[in-house]
Amino acid sequence: MLNDTERKLLRILFNRNGHQNTRILIPELARLAGRETGQIRKALERLHEERFIEWESDYAKVIPGWQLYAK
């Protein structure tokens, strides 16, 4: 089960990757989510472990089909 920060990040990444197809850096994610950068990194690590996203250095990409498993 995802916590609020993880769900919020997943939604931000999904919207950014799907509509604008641009990279989003951790400081910008922190600003958009209203969270600290440490919280963002921890949430990104968890999303990566749970296979919701691919995360390479400072770039995160949503793995297609995550909506089926997010329930």
Protein backbone atom coordinates (compact mmCIF):
# COMPACT_ATOMS: atom_id res chain seq x y z
CA MET A 1 0.00 0.00 0.00
CA LEU A 2 1.37 3.40 -0.97
CA ASN A 3 1.43 6.31 1.43
CA ASP A 4 0.22 9.81 0.53
CA THR A 5 3.60 11.09 -0.63
CA GLU A 6 4.18 8.07 -2.89
CA ARG A 7 0.71 8.34 -4.43
CA LYS A 8 1.15 12.06 -4.99
CA LEU A 9 4.53 11.58 -6.66
CA LEU A 10 3.19 8.80 -8.84
CA ARG A 11 0.35 11.04 -10.01
CA ILE A 12 2.70 13.98 -10.69
CA LEU A 13 5.10 11.75 -12.63
CA PHE A 14 2.28 10.14 -14.58
CA ASN A 15 0.87 13.52 -15.60
CA ARG A 16 4.28 14.99 -16.43
CA ASN A 17 5.50 11.97 -18.41
CA GLY A 18 2.20 11.43 -20.18
CA HIS A 19 1.32 14.95 -21.18
CA GLN A 20 4.54 16.91 -21.40
CA ASN A 21 7.08 14.08 -21.80
CA THR A 22 9.75 16.08 -20.00
CA ARG A 23 12.22 15.34 -17.23
CA ILE A 24 11.35 16.47 -13.75
CA LEU A 25 14.09 16.93 -11.17
CA ILE A 26 13.82 16.15 -7.47
CA PRO A 27 13.76 19.83 -6.35
CA GLU A 28 10.86 20.47 -8.73
CA LEU A 29 9.07 17.35 -7.48
CA ALA A 30 9.52 18.60 -3.93
CA ARG A 31 8.04 21.96 -4.87
CA LEU A 32 5.06 20.44 -6.69
CA ALA A 33 4.36 17.89 -3.95
CA GLY A 34 4.95 20.31 -1.09
CA ARG A 35 7.41 17.90 0.55
CA GLU A 36 11.08 17.93 1.59
CA THR A 37 13.67 16.55 -0.85
CA GLY A 38 14.52 13.77 1.64
CA GLN A 39 10.89 12.64 1.65
CA ILE A 40 10.87 12.72 -2.16
CA ARG A 41 14.01 10.56 -2.44
CA LYS A 42 12.65 8.04 0.06
CA ALA A 43 9.30 7.86 -1.78
CA LEU A 44 11.05 7.48 -5.16
CA GLU A 45 13.16 4.64 -3.77
CA ARG A 46 10.02 2.87 -2.54
CA LEU A 47 8.20 3.39 -5.86
CA HIS A 48 11.24 1.98 -7.65
CA GLU A 49 11.39 -1.04 -5.31
CA GLU A 50 7.68 -1.69 -5.88
CA ARG A 51 8.25 -1.40 -9.67
CA PHE A 52 5.95 1.56 -10.22
CA ILE A 53 8.71 3.68 -11.75
CA GLU A 54 12.10 3.45 -13.41
CA TRP A 55 14.53 5.77 -11.66
CA GLU A 56 17.91 6.68 -13.14
CA SER A 57 19.96 9.22 -11.16
CA ASP A 58 17.66 12.26 -11.21
CA TYR A 59 15.14 11.09 -13.80
CA ALA A 60 12.04 9.07 -12.95
CA LYS A 61 9.69 7.49 -15.48
CA VAL A 62 6.38 5.75 -14.77
CA ILE A 63 6.23 2.13 -15.92
CA PRO A 64 3.16 1.60 -18.15
CA GLY A 65 0.39 -0.42 -16.59
CA TRP A 66 0.94 0.69 -12.98
CA GLN A 67 -2.72 1.67 -12.71
CA LEU A 68 -3.69 -2.02 -12.73
CA TYR A 69 -1.53 -2.76 -9.68
CA ALA A 70 -2.03 0.42 -7.65
CA LYS A 71 -5.31 -0.69 -6.09
